[in-house]
Amino acid sequence: MSFFKKLKEKITQQADSVTEKFKQGLTKTRDSFAGRVNDLIARYRKVDEEFFEELEEILISADVGVTTVMDLIDELKMEVKRRNIQDPKEMQEVISEKLVEIYRGDDEEYEKSAALNIQKDGLTVILFVGVNGVGKTTTIGKLAHKLKTEGKTVMLAAGDTFRAGAIEQLEVWGERVGAEVIKQSAGSDPAAVVYDAIQAAKARRVDVLLCDTAGRLQNKVNLMKELEKVKRVIEREVPGAPHEVLLVLDATTGQNAMSQAKIFKEATNVTGIVLTKLDGTAKGGIVLAIRNELHIPVKFVGLGEKMDDLQPFDPEKYVYGLFADLFEGKSEQ
């Protein structure tokens, strides 16, 4: 059975609101990326060097990243030789198959890295990092909502004490989702806020503590020292924590998001990415660049403005979202 047919069957069986969210959320990328791929395939009668050169340009313009594109093109060329592909129409399936492969890598490793590291017993501490304006506080609120719907008790730590309105914004989210917010006055030491939050979370036997942090990248050295101090406090008070360090990136900033990821990866042990505003960009290939070049799993993606539009990342649903028109229009064979 072909990859397309297998994935189509799987998606049909799993057809739910999440699959639809990926389809709707990736509309801009699909219209741009898949539309151009389909146009390329329609214009060529054979798969040759010129075909690959144009495909390379399309992938780079979708922010898949130059390194990842080169790897992908090499693999596609090998696959074309192996299968003796002459007809460009057959390339739609090969491209989508390789995109899933690039993301998943080793299946067992992927399954382990994709899941959120929630402790079975005791307090789980999740630290959020990222520059201002990427949607960090909103992401914390949405993840709190998701965890609460799963039956967890959640507390929020207002560790971004420098950005005007950050504490108040987190408090609004706390009220919306029914989660207590531990805070101090603006300008306080973020590590002290997180310390207080850990003590409160332990005393109230909370399941998950979500910690906000500052994101003033223009003052990089101070910011990184601050994050290291917060992390040390967490490690001291809860052995083995933080259980996740989630870096929040804005998908619409493209390669700038990659630069931010590299900086934060150097300073903190980032365990996963939350990619916000994926529905707002035509360059959704950034997901693949992050995974392939930084070897950090994308754990969640933002596919809209609603409370439940923060979704665990699924590479198969992502590829379906990119090629939905093709999957739905492809005849059984």
C-alpha atoms as a PDB file:
ATOM      1  CA  MET A   1       0.000   0.000   0.000  1.00  0.00           C
ATOM      2  CA  SER A   2       1.377   3.440  -0.918  1.00  0.00           C
ATOM      3  CA  PHE A   3       2.328   6.067   1.661  1.00  0.00           C
ATOM      4  CA  PHE A   4      -0.493   8.298   0.426  1.00  0.00           C
ATOM      5  CA  LYS A   5      -3.083   5.572   0.764  1.00  0.00           C
ATOM      6  CA  LYS A   6      -1.842   4.554   4.239  1.00  0.00           C
ATOM      7  CA  LEU A   7      -1.842   8.132   5.492  1.00  0.00           C
ATOM      8  CA  LYS A   8      -5.200   8.846   3.877  1.00  0.00           C
ATOM      9  CA  GLU A   9      -6.723   5.825   5.605  1.00  0.00           C
ATOM     10  CA  LYS A  10      -5.166   6.784   8.937  1.00  0.00           C
ATOM     11  CA  ILE A  11      -6.371  10.387   8.667  1.00  0.00           C
ATOM     12  CA  THR A  12      -9.866   9.224   7.641  1.00  0.00           C
ATOM     13  CA  GLN A  13     -10.026   6.918  10.664  1.00  0.00           C
ATOM     14  CA  GLN A  14      -8.795   9.695  12.957  1.00  0.00           C
ATOM     15  CA  ALA A  15     -10.963  12.373  11.330  1.00  0.00           C
ATOM     16  CA  ASP A  16     -11.704  14.682  14.242  1.00  0.00           C
ATOM     17  CA  SER A  17     -11.611  18.330  15.256  1.00  0.00           C
ATOM     18  CA  VAL A  18      -7.787  18.216  15.652  1.00  0.00           C
ATOM     19  CA  THR A  19      -7.276  16.985  12.064  1.00  0.00           C
ATOM     20  CA  GLU A  20      -9.563  19.798  10.911  1.00  0.00           C
ATOM     21  CA  LYS A  21      -7.599  22.330  12.979  1.00  0.00           C
ATOM     22  CA  PHE A  22      -4.357  21.320  11.220  1.00  0.00           C
ATOM     23  CA  LYS A  23      -6.104  21.589   7.859  1.00  0.00           C
ATOM     24  CA  GLN A  24      -7.568  25.028   8.613  1.00  0.00           C
ATOM     25  CA  GLY A  25      -4.485  26.279  10.478  1.00  0.00           C
ATOM     26  CA  LEU A  26      -2.145  25.482   7.591  1.00  0.00           C
ATOM     27  CA  THR A  27      -4.336  27.073   4.907  1.00  0.00           C
ATOM     28  CA  LYS A  28      -1.876  29.921   4.195  1.00  0.00           C
ATOM     29  CA  THR A  29       1.131  27.600   3.944  1.00  0.00           C
ATOM     30  CA  ARG A  30      -0.840  25.085   1.866  1.00  0.00           C
ATOM     31  CA  ASP A  31      -2.065  27.742  -0.578  1.00  0.00           C
ATOM     32  CA  SER A  32       1.501  28.967  -1.037  1.00  0.00           C
ATOM     33  CA  PHE A  33       3.678  25.857  -0.714  1.00  0.00           C
ATOM     34  CA  ALA A  34       1.460  23.016  -1.984  1.00  0.00           C
ATOM     35  CA  GLY A  35       0.021  25.291  -4.677  1.00  0.00           C
ATOM     36  CA  ARG A  36       3.499  26.031  -6.039  1.00  0.00           C
ATOM     37  CA  VAL A  37       4.517  22.341  -5.832  1.00  0.00           C
ATOM     38  CA  ASN A  38       1.397  21.341  -7.781  1.00  0.00           C
ATOM     39  CA  ASP A  39       2.091  24.039 -10.360  1.00  0.00           C
ATOM     40  CA  LEU A  40       5.693  22.810 -10.685  1.00  0.00           C
ATOM     41  CA  ILE A  41       4.529  19.219 -11.213  1.00  0.00           C
ATOM     42  CA  ALA A  42       1.969  20.311 -13.810  1.00  0.00           C
ATOM     43  CA  ARG A  43       4.613  22.219 -15.844  1.00  0.00           C
ATOM     44  CA  TYR A  44       7.196  19.440 -16.079  1.00  0.00           C
ATOM     45  CA  ARG A  45       7.013  16.296 -18.178  1.00  0.00           C
ATOM     46  CA  LYS A  46       9.988  14.612 -16.517  1.00  0.00           C
ATOM     47  CA  VAL A  47      11.884  14.760 -13.234  1.00  0.00           C
ATOM     48  CA  ASP A  48      15.209  16.394 -14.127  1.00  0.00           C
ATOM     49  CA  GLU A  49      17.792  18.757 -12.637  1.00  0.00           C
ATOM     50  CA  GLU A  50      15.743  21.844 -13.486  1.00  0.00           C
ATOM     51  CA  PHE A  51      12.735  20.322 -11.696  1.00  0.00           C
ATOM     52  CA  PHE A  52      14.822  19.877  -8.536  1.00  0.00           C
ATOM     53  CA  GLU A  53      16.247  23.419  -8.773  1.00  0.00           C
ATOM     54  CA  GLU A  54      12.737  24.898  -8.828  1.00  0.00           C
ATOM     55  CA  LEU A  55      11.601  22.600  -6.017  1.00  0.00           C
ATOM     56  CA  GLU A  56      14.598  23.761  -3.969  1.00  0.00           C
ATOM     57  CA  GLU A  57      13.504  27.403  -4.386  1.00  0.00           C
ATOM     58  CA  ILE A  58       9.927  26.572  -3.325  1.00  0.00           C
ATOM     59  CA  LEU A  59      11.126  24.759  -0.183  1.00  0.00           C
ATOM     60  CA  ILE A  60      13.497  27.585   0.798  1.00  0.00           C
ATOM     61  CA  SER A  61      10.738  30.177   0.311  1.00  0.00           C
ATOM     62  CA  ALA A  62       8.531  28.115   2.689  1.00  0.00           C
ATOM     63  CA  ASP A  63      11.244  28.541   5.385  1.00  0.00           C
ATOM     64  CA  VAL A  64      12.184  24.870   5.431  1.00  0.00           C
ATOM     65  CA  GLY A  65      15.779  26.125   5.908  1.00  0.00           C
ATOM     66  CA  VAL A  66      18.735  25.816   3.524  1.00  0.00           C
ATOM     67  CA  THR A  67      20.439  22.899   5.344  1.00  0.00           C
ATOM     68  CA  THR A  68      17.200  20.928   5.573  1.00  0.00           C
ATOM     69  CA  VAL A  69      16.340  21.675   1.933  1.00  0.00           C
ATOM     70  CA  MET A  70      19.732  20.369   0.745  1.00  0.00           C
ATOM     71  CA  ASP A  71      19.270  17.181   2.791  1.00  0.00           C
ATOM     72  CA  LEU A  72      15.728  16.767   1.474  1.00  0.00           C
ATOM     73  CA  ILE A  73      16.689  17.341  -2.178  1.00  0.00           C
ATOM     74  CA  ASP A  74      19.519  14.773  -1.883  1.00  0.00           C
ATOM     75  CA  GLU A  75      17.122  12.209  -0.416  1.00  0.00           C
ATOM     76  CA  LEU A  76      14.509  12.918  -3.096  1.00  0.00           C
ATOM     77  CA  LYS A  77      17.082  12.426  -5.855  1.00  0.00           C
ATOM     78  CA  MET A  78      18.114   9.088  -4.351  1.00  0.00           C
ATOM     79  CA  GLU A  79      14.472   8.024  -4.072  1.00  0.00           C
ATOM     80  CA  VAL A  80      13.802   8.989  -7.702  1.00  0.00           C
ATOM     81  CA  LYS A  81      16.721   6.790  -8.809  1.00  0.00           C
ATOM     82  CA  ARG A  82      15.703   3.932  -6.514  1.00  0.00           C
ATOM     83  CA  ARG A  83      12.095   3.890  -7.716  1.00  0.00           C
ATOM     84  CA  ASN A  84      13.009   4.884 -11.275  1.00  0.00           C
ATOM     85  CA  ILE A  85      10.479   7.740 -11.181  1.00  0.00           C
ATOM     86  CA  GLN A  86       9.947   9.473 -14.516  1.00  0.00           C
ATOM     87  CA  ASP A  87       6.531  11.092 -14.061  1.00  0.00           C
ATOM     88  CA  PRO A  88       6.567  14.301 -11.939  1.00  0.00           C
ATOM     89  CA  LYS A  89       3.067  13.419 -10.637  1.00  0.00           C
ATOM     90  CA  GLU A  90       4.637  10.641  -8.577  1.00  0.00           C
ATOM     91  CA  MET A  91       6.735  13.249  -6.770  1.00  0.00           C
ATOM     92  CA  GLN A  92       3.793  14.523  -4.686  1.00  0.00           C
ATOM     93  CA  GLU A  93       3.758  11.290  -2.718  1.00  0.00           C
ATOM     94  CA  VAL A  94       7.564  11.090  -2.382  1.00  0.00           C
ATOM     95  CA  ILE A  95       7.831  14.702  -1.142  1.00  0.00           C
ATOM     96  CA  SER A  96       5.135  14.259   1.528  1.00  0.00           C
ATOM     97  CA  GLU A  97       6.655  10.940   2.621  1.00  0.00           C
ATOM     98  CA  LYS A  98      10.101  12.489   3.055  1.00  0.00           C
ATOM     99  CA  LEU A  99       8.693  15.452   5.021  1.00  0.00           C
ATOM    100  CA  VAL A 100       7.212  13.048   7.589  1.00  0.00           C
ATOM    101  CA  GLU A 101      10.465  11.057   7.687  1.00  0.00           C
ATOM    102  CA  ILE A 102      12.575  14.166   8.269  1.00  0.00           C
ATOM    103  CA  TYR A 103      10.416  15.155  11.207  1.00  0.00           C
ATOM    104  CA  ARG A 104       9.916  11.773  12.837  1.00  0.00           C
ATOM    105  CA  GLY A 105      13.412  10.338  12.428  1.00  0.00           C
ATOM    106  CA  ASP A 106      13.630   7.330  14.705  1.00  0.00           C
ATOM    107  CA  ASP A 107      10.027   6.512  15.670  1.00  0.00           C
ATOM    108  CA  GLU A 108      10.858   5.389  19.204  1.00  0.00           C
ATOM    109  CA  GLU A 109      12.960   8.473  19.902  1.00  0.00           C
ATOM    110  CA  TYR A 110      10.214  10.669  18.419  1.00  0.00           C
ATOM    111  CA  GLU A 111       7.491   9.176  20.636  1.00  0.00           C
ATOM    112  CA  LYS A 112       9.613   9.846  23.733  1.00  0.00           C
ATOM    113  CA  SER A 113      10.567  13.398  22.774  1.00  0.00           C
ATOM    114  CA  ALA A 114       7.086  14.421  21.571  1.00  0.00           C
ATOM    115  CA  ALA A 115       5.216  13.732  24.820  1.00  0.00           C
ATOM    116  CA  LEU A 116       5.092  16.326  27.599  1.00  0.00           C
ATOM    117  CA  ASN A 117       7.142  15.117  30.578  1.00  0.00           C
ATOM    118  CA  ILE A 118       4.427  15.148  33.261  1.00  0.00           C
ATOM    119  CA  GLN A 119       5.432  13.432  36.513  1.00  0.00           C
ATOM    120  CA  LYS A 120       3.224  10.597  37.753  1.00  0.00           C
ATOM    121  CA  ASP A 121       3.900  11.549  41.391  1.00  0.00           C
ATOM    122  CA  GLY A 122       4.732  14.929  42.832  1.00  0.00           C
ATOM    123  CA  LEU A 123       5.049  18.375  41.284  1.00  0.00           C
ATOM    124  CA  THR A 124       5.816  18.900  37.575  1.00  0.00           C
ATOM    125  CA  VAL A 125       7.586  22.209  36.847  1.00  0.00           C
ATOM    126  CA  ILE A 126       7.510  23.593  33.294  1.00  0.00           C
ATOM    127  CA  LEU A 127       9.632  26.645  32.485  1.00  0.00           C
ATOM    128  CA  PHE A 128       8.664  28.862  29.543  1.00  0.00           C
ATOM    129  CA  VAL A 129      11.312  30.923  27.752  1.00  0.00           C
ATOM    130  CA  GLY A 130      11.233  33.147  24.676  1.00  0.00           C
ATOM    131  CA  VAL A 131      11.458  36.779  23.587  1.00  0.00           C
ATOM    132  CA  ASN A 132       8.719  39.328  24.181  1.00  0.00           C
ATOM    133  CA  GLY A 133       5.864  39.349  21.690  1.00  0.00           C
ATOM    134  CA  VAL A 134       5.903  35.675  20.673  1.00  0.00           C
ATOM    135  CA  GLY A 135       2.761  34.762  22.619  1.00  0.00           C
ATOM    136  CA  LYS A 136       4.451  33.228  25.671  1.00  0.00           C
ATOM    137  CA  THR A 137       1.871  34.299  28.268  1.00  0.00           C
ATOM    138  CA  THR A 138      -1.041  33.314  26.023  1.00  0.00           C
ATOM    139  CA  THR A 139       0.604  29.915  25.458  1.00  0.00           C
ATOM    140  CA  ILE A 140       0.920  29.401  29.223  1.00  0.00           C
ATOM    141  CA  GLY A 141      -2.787  30.197  29.626  1.00  0.00           C
ATOM    142  CA  LYS A 142      -3.787  27.818  26.834  1.00  0.00           C
ATOM    143  CA  LEU A 143      -1.599  24.994  28.159  1.00  0.00           C
ATOM    144  CA  ALA A 144      -3.058  25.551  31.652  1.00  0.00           C
ATOM    145  CA  HIS A 145      -6.522  25.163  30.123  1.00  0.00           C
ATOM    146  CA  LYS A 146      -5.481  21.963  28.327  1.00  0.00           C
ATOM    147  CA  LEU A 147      -3.969  20.441  31.483  1.00  0.00           C
ATOM    148  CA  LYS A 148      -7.038  21.359  33.526  1.00  0.00           C
ATOM    149  CA  THR A 149      -9.349  19.669  31.006  1.00  0.00           C
ATOM    150  CA  GLU A 150      -7.168  16.561  31.514  1.00  0.00           C
ATOM    151  CA  GLY A 151      -7.908  16.672  35.249  1.00  0.00           C
ATOM    152  CA  LYS A 152      -4.657  18.250  36.470  1.00  0.00           C
ATOM    153  CA  THR A 153      -4.425  21.008  39.089  1.00  0.00           C
ATOM    154  CA  VAL A 154      -2.358  23.904  37.715  1.00  0.00           C
ATOM    155  CA  MET A 155      -0.611  26.954  39.203  1.00  0.00           C
ATOM    156  CA  LEU A 156       1.036  29.845  37.329  1.00  0.00           C
ATOM    157  CA  ALA A 157       4.191  31.760  38.350  1.00  0.00           C
ATOM    158  CA  ALA A 158       4.393  35.360  37.082  1.00  0.00           C
ATOM    159  CA  GLY A 159       8.166  35.332  36.539  1.00  0.00           C
ATOM    160  CA  ASP A 160       8.129  37.997  33.793  1.00  0.00           C
ATOM    161  CA  THR A 161       8.413  40.872  36.231  1.00  0.00           C
ATOM    162  CA  PHE A 162       9.888  43.411  33.794  1.00  0.00           C
ATOM    163  CA  ARG A 163       7.517  43.690  30.822  1.00  0.00           C
ATOM    164  CA  ALA A 164       4.761  46.229  31.444  1.00  0.00           C
ATOM    165  CA  GLY A 165       1.455  44.440  31.917  1.00  0.00           C
ATOM    166  CA  ALA A 166       2.929  40.910  31.880  1.00  0.00           C
ATOM    167  CA  ILE A 167       1.819  40.077  35.442  1.00  0.00           C
ATOM    168  CA  GLU A 168      -1.681  41.428  34.830  1.00  0.00           C
ATOM    169  CA  GLN A 169      -1.938  39.507  31.552  1.00  0.00           C
ATOM    170  CA  LEU A 170      -1.062  36.247  33.325  1.00  0.00           C
ATOM    171  CA  GLU A 171      -3.612  37.046  36.051  1.00  0.00           C
ATOM    172  CA  VAL A 172      -6.326  37.436  33.408  1.00  0.00           C
ATOM    173  CA  TRP A 173      -5.447  33.996  32.055  1.00  0.00           C
ATOM    174  CA  GLY A 174      -5.407  32.582  35.587  1.00  0.00           C
ATOM    175  CA  GLU A 175      -8.963  33.810  36.113  1.00  0.00           C
ATOM    176  CA  ARG A 176     -10.115  32.475  32.740  1.00  0.00           C
ATOM    177  CA  VAL A 177      -8.817  28.960  33.306  1.00  0.00           C
ATOM    178  CA  GLY A 178      -9.257  28.791  37.082  1.00  0.00           C
ATOM    179  CA  ALA A 179      -5.561  28.617  38.026  1.00  0.00           C
ATOM    180  CA  GLU A 180      -3.950  30.465  40.948  1.00  0.00           C
ATOM    181  CA  VAL A 181      -1.233  32.970  39.979  1.00  0.00           C
ATOM    182  CA  ILE A 182       1.747  33.546  42.307  1.00  0.00           C
ATOM    183  CA  LYS A 183       3.208  37.032  41.801  1.00  0.00           C
ATOM    184  CA  GLN A 184       5.226  39.846  43.314  1.00  0.00           C
ATOM    185  CA  SER A 185       5.384  43.521  42.373  1.00  0.00           C
ATOM    186  CA  ALA A 186       6.716  44.633  38.974  1.00  0.00           C
ATOM    187  CA  GLY A 187      10.519  44.670  38.847  1.00  0.00           C
ATOM    188  CA  SER A 188      10.918  41.949  41.508  1.00  0.00           C
ATOM    189  CA  ASP A 189      13.525  39.209  41.232  1.00  0.00           C
ATOM    190  CA  PRO A 190      12.031  36.503  38.930  1.00  0.00           C
ATOM    191  CA  ALA A 191      13.869  33.746  40.841  1.00  0.00           C
ATOM    192  CA  ALA A 192      12.178  34.895  44.078  1.00  0.00           C
ATOM    193  CA  VAL A 193       8.757  34.712  42.387  1.00  0.00           C
ATOM    194  CA  VAL A 194       9.459  31.183  41.148  1.00  0.00           C
ATOM    195  CA  TYR A 195      10.717  30.167  44.633  1.00  0.00           C
ATOM    196  CA  ASP A 196       7.461  31.428  46.210  1.00  0.00           C
ATOM    197  CA  ALA A 197       5.429  29.630  43.532  1.00  0.00           C
ATOM    198  CA  ILE A 198       7.197  26.314  44.170  1.00  0.00           C
ATOM    199  CA  GLN A 199       6.549  26.559  47.921  1.00  0.00           C
ATOM    200  CA  ALA A 200       2.876  27.394  47.277  1.00  0.00           C
ATOM    201  CA  ALA A 201       2.520  24.577  44.733  1.00  0.00           C
ATOM    202  CA  LYS A 202       4.007  22.059  47.168  1.00  0.00           C
ATOM    203  CA  ALA A 203       1.793  23.273  50.034  1.00  0.00           C
ATOM    204  CA  ARG A 204      -1.374  23.032  47.911  1.00  0.00           C
ATOM    205  CA  ARG A 205      -0.312  19.694  46.325  1.00  0.00           C
ATOM    206  CA  VAL A 206      -0.587  21.139  42.814  1.00  0.00           C
ATOM    207  CA  ASP A 207       0.144  18.796  39.871  1.00  0.00           C
ATOM    208  CA  VAL A 208       1.766  21.253  37.437  1.00  0.00           C
ATOM    209  CA  LEU A 209       3.486  24.625  37.914  1.00  0.00           C
ATOM    210  CA  LEU A 210       3.871  26.733  34.748  1.00  0.00           C
ATOM    211  CA  CYS A 211       6.554  29.440  35.091  1.00  0.00           C
ATOM    212  CA  ASP A 212       6.628  32.567  32.921  1.00  0.00           C
ATOM    213  CA  THR A 213       9.976  34.358  32.387  1.00  0.00           C
ATOM    214  CA  ALA A 214      11.216  37.638  30.920  1.00  0.00           C
ATOM    215  CA  GLY A 215      12.192  37.861  27.270  1.00  0.00           C
ATOM    216  CA  ARG A 216      14.323  40.975  26.781  1.00  0.00           C
ATOM    217  CA  LEU A 217      16.670  39.625  24.124  1.00  0.00           C
ATOM    218  CA  GLN A 218      18.224  43.052  23.495  1.00  0.00           C
ATOM    219  CA  ASN A 219      19.845  42.624  26.931  1.00  0.00           C
ATOM    220  CA  LYS A 220      20.930  39.080  26.135  1.00  0.00           C
ATOM    221  CA  VAL A 221      23.686  38.528  28.723  1.00  0.00           C
ATOM    222  CA  ASN A 222      21.538  39.709  31.655  1.00  0.00           C
ATOM    223  CA  LEU A 223      18.518  37.757  30.412  1.00  0.00           C
ATOM    224  CA  MET A 224      20.463  34.509  30.148  1.00  0.00           C
ATOM    225  CA  LYS A 225      21.998  34.991  33.621  1.00  0.00           C
ATOM    226  CA  GLU A 226      18.497  35.594  34.956  1.00  0.00           C
ATOM    227  CA  LEU A 227      17.178  32.404  33.315  1.00  0.00           C
ATOM    228  CA  GLU A 228      20.101  30.404  34.701  1.00  0.00           C
ATOM    229  CA  LYS A 229      19.356  31.732  38.212  1.00  0.00           C
ATOM    230  CA  VAL A 230      15.653  30.797  37.886  1.00  0.00           C
ATOM    231  CA  LYS A 231      16.648  27.331  36.686  1.00  0.00           C
ATOM    232  CA  ARG A 232      19.041  26.858  39.638  1.00  0.00           C
ATOM    233  CA  VAL A 233      16.281  27.745  42.110  1.00  0.00           C
ATOM    234  CA  ILE A 234      13.924  25.234  40.460  1.00  0.00           C
ATOM    235  CA  GLU A 235      16.599  22.503  40.472  1.00  0.00           C
ATOM    236  CA  ARG A 236      17.368  23.121  44.153  1.00  0.00           C
ATOM    237  CA  GLU A 237      13.736  23.108  45.313  1.00  0.00           C
ATOM    238  CA  VAL A 238      12.441  20.288  43.081  1.00  0.00           C
ATOM    239  CA  PRO A 239      15.123  17.670  42.286  1.00  0.00           C
ATOM    240  CA  GLY A 240      14.948  16.679  38.599  1.00  0.00           C
ATOM    241  CA  ALA A 241      13.095  19.860  37.635  1.00  0.00           C
ATOM    242  CA  PRO A 242      12.410  21.744  35.449  1.00  0.00           C
ATOM    243  CA  HIS A 243      10.825  18.746  33.768  1.00  0.00           C
ATOM    244  CA  GLU A 244      10.365  20.753  30.567  1.00  0.00           C
ATOM    245  CA  VAL A 245      11.938  23.963  29.265  1.00  0.00           C
ATOM    246  CA  LEU A 246       9.587  25.071  26.496  1.00  0.00           C
ATOM    247  CA  LEU A 247      10.826  27.721  24.070  1.00  0.00           C
ATOM    248  CA  VAL A 248       7.977  29.738  22.560  1.00  0.00           C
ATOM    249  CA  LEU A 249       8.614  30.947  18.995  1.00  0.00           C
ATOM    250  CA  ASP A 250       6.460  32.985  16.613  1.00  0.00           C
ATOM    251  CA  ALA A 251       6.135  31.031  13.331  1.00  0.00           C
ATOM    252  CA  THR A 252       5.505  34.240  11.365  1.00  0.00           C
ATOM    253  CA  THR A 253       9.071  35.456  12.070  1.00  0.00           C
ATOM    254  CA  GLY A 254      10.580  32.586  10.058  1.00  0.00           C
ATOM    255  CA  GLN A 255      14.370  32.406  10.125  1.00  0.00           C
ATOM    256  CA  ASN A 256      14.461  34.934  12.975  1.00  0.00           C
ATOM    257  CA  ALA A 257      12.742  32.254  15.082  1.00  0.00           C
ATOM    258  CA  MET A 258      15.621  29.909  14.201  1.00  0.00           C
ATOM    259  CA  SER A 259      18.151  32.494  15.454  1.00  0.00           C
ATOM    260  CA  GLN A 260      16.231  32.866  18.720  1.00  0.00           C
ATOM    261  CA  ALA A 261      16.102  29.090  19.130  1.00  0.00           C
ATOM    262  CA  LYS A 262      19.893  28.842  18.772  1.00  0.00           C
ATOM    263  CA  ILE A 263      20.470  31.555  21.406  1.00  0.00           C
ATOM    264  CA  PHE A 264      18.091  30.007  23.957  1.00  0.00           C
ATOM    265  CA  LYS A 265      19.386  26.506  23.274  1.00  0.00           C
ATOM    266  CA  GLU A 266      22.885  27.694  24.239  1.00  0.00           C
ATOM    267  CA  ALA A 267      21.673  29.280  27.496  1.00  0.00           C
ATOM    268  CA  THR A 268      19.077  26.772  28.707  1.00  0.00           C
ATOM    269  CA  ASN A 269      18.490  23.102  28.110  1.00  0.00           C
ATOM    270  CA  VAL A 270      15.467  23.609  25.838  1.00  0.00           C
ATOM    271  CA  THR A 271      13.455  20.366  25.729  1.00  0.00           C
ATOM    272  CA  GLY A 272      10.736  21.423  23.312  1.00  0.00           C
ATOM    273  CA  ILE A 273       9.363  24.175  21.092  1.00  0.00           C
ATOM    274  CA  VAL A 274       5.934  25.752  21.106  1.00  0.00           C
ATOM    275  CA  LEU A 275       5.388  27.320  17.682  1.00  0.00           C
ATOM    276  CA  THR A 276       2.701  30.001  17.877  1.00  0.00           C
ATOM    277  CA  LYS A 277       0.751  31.666  15.040  1.00  0.00           C
ATOM    278  CA  LEU A 278       1.357  28.804  12.576  1.00  0.00           C
ATOM    279  CA  ASP A 279      -2.054  29.688  11.124  1.00  0.00           C
ATOM    280  CA  GLY A 280      -0.799  33.204  10.368  1.00  0.00           C
ATOM    281  CA  THR A 281       2.076  32.347   8.023  1.00  0.00           C
ATOM    282  CA  ALA A 282       2.613  31.005   4.519  1.00  0.00           C
ATOM    283  CA  LYS A 283       6.024  29.734   5.688  1.00  0.00           C
ATOM    284  CA  GLY A 284       5.056  26.772   7.857  1.00  0.00           C
ATOM    285  CA  GLY A 285       8.159  24.870   6.746  1.00  0.00           C
ATOM    286  CA  ILE A 286       9.947  26.391   9.764  1.00  0.00           C
ATOM    287  CA  VAL A 287       8.667  23.347  11.723  1.00  0.00           C
ATOM    288  CA  LEU A 288      10.968  21.080   9.700  1.00  0.00           C
ATOM    289  CA  ALA A 289      13.956  23.424   9.903  1.00  0.00           C
ATOM    290  CA  ILE A 290      13.752  23.559  13.712  1.00  0.00           C
ATOM    291  CA  ARG A 291      13.484  19.801  14.052  1.00  0.00           C
ATOM    292  CA  ASN A 292      16.184  18.899  11.517  1.00  0.00           C
ATOM    293  CA  GLU A 293      18.766  21.585  12.308  1.00  0.00           C
ATOM    294  CA  LEU A 294      18.351  22.037  16.066  1.00  0.00           C
ATOM    295  CA  HIS A 295      17.163  18.519  16.971  1.00  0.00           C
ATOM    296  CA  ILE A 296      14.531  19.953  19.302  1.00  0.00           C
ATOM    297  CA  PRO A 297      11.000  18.539  19.030  1.00  0.00           C
ATOM    298  CA  VAL A 298       8.102  20.890  18.313  1.00  0.00           C
ATOM    299  CA  LYS A 299       5.749  19.831  21.120  1.00  0.00           C
ATOM    300  CA  PHE A 300       2.842  22.218  20.480  1.00  0.00           C
ATOM    301  CA  VAL A 301       1.636  24.460  17.667  1.00  0.00           C
ATOM    302  CA  GLY A 302      -0.763  27.397  17.756  1.00  0.00           C
ATOM    303  CA  LEU A 303      -3.397  26.950  15.051  1.00  0.00           C
ATOM    304  CA  GLY A 304      -5.736  29.833  15.915  1.00  0.00           C
ATOM    305  CA  GLU A 305      -6.964  32.274  18.549  1.00  0.00           C
ATOM    306  CA  LYS A 306      -9.333  30.012  20.506  1.00  0.00           C
ATOM    307  CA  MET A 307      -8.513  28.472  23.888  1.00  0.00           C
ATOM    308  CA  ASP A 308      -8.241  24.949  22.425  1.00  0.00           C
ATOM    309  CA  ASP A 309      -6.243  25.961  19.342  1.00  0.00           C
ATOM    310  CA  LEU A 310      -2.945  25.048  21.026  1.00  0.00           C
ATOM    311  CA  GLN A 311      -2.439  21.472  19.830  1.00  0.00           C
ATOM    312  CA  PRO A 312       0.238  18.782  20.342  1.00  0.00           C
ATOM    313  CA  PHE A 313       2.290  18.665  17.148  1.00  0.00           C
ATOM    314  CA  ASP A 314       1.568  15.671  14.906  1.00  0.00           C
ATOM    315  CA  PRO A 315       3.854  15.323  11.830  1.00  0.00           C
ATOM    316  CA  GLU A 316       1.309  13.252   9.881  1.00  0.00           C
ATOM    317  CA  LYS A 317      -1.507  15.732  10.486  1.00  0.00           C
ATOM    318  CA  TYR A 318       0.961  18.493   9.591  1.00  0.00           C
ATOM    319  CA  VAL A 319       1.735  16.873   6.212  1.00  0.00           C
ATOM    320  CA  TYR A 320      -1.979  16.278   5.692  1.00  0.00           C
ATOM    321  CA  GLY A 321      -2.572  19.980   6.423  1.00  0.00           C
ATOM    322  CA  LEU A 322       0.060  20.907   3.817  1.00  0.00           C
ATOM    323  CA  PHE A 323      -1.387  18.610   1.130  1.00  0.00           C
ATOM    324  CA  ALA A 324      -5.057  18.336   2.204  1.00  0.00           C
ATOM    325  CA  ASP A 325      -6.428  19.200  -1.247  1.00  0.00           C
ATOM    326  CA  LEU A 326      -4.268  16.513  -2.829  1.00  0.00           C
ATOM    327  CA  PHE A 327      -5.201  13.857  -0.236  1.00  0.00           C
ATOM    328  CA  GLU A 328      -8.893  14.584  -0.577  1.00  0.00           C
ATOM    329  CA  GLY A 329      -8.785  14.752  -4.361  1.00  0.00           C
ATOM    330  CA  LYS A 330      -6.498  11.785  -4.981  1.00  0.00           C
ATOM    331  CA  SER A 331      -8.344   8.828  -6.463  1.00  0.00           C
ATOM    332  CA  GLU A 332      -8.077   5.348  -4.924  1.00  0.00           C
ATOM    333  CA  GLN A 333      -5.474   3.214  -6.624  1.00  0.00           C
END
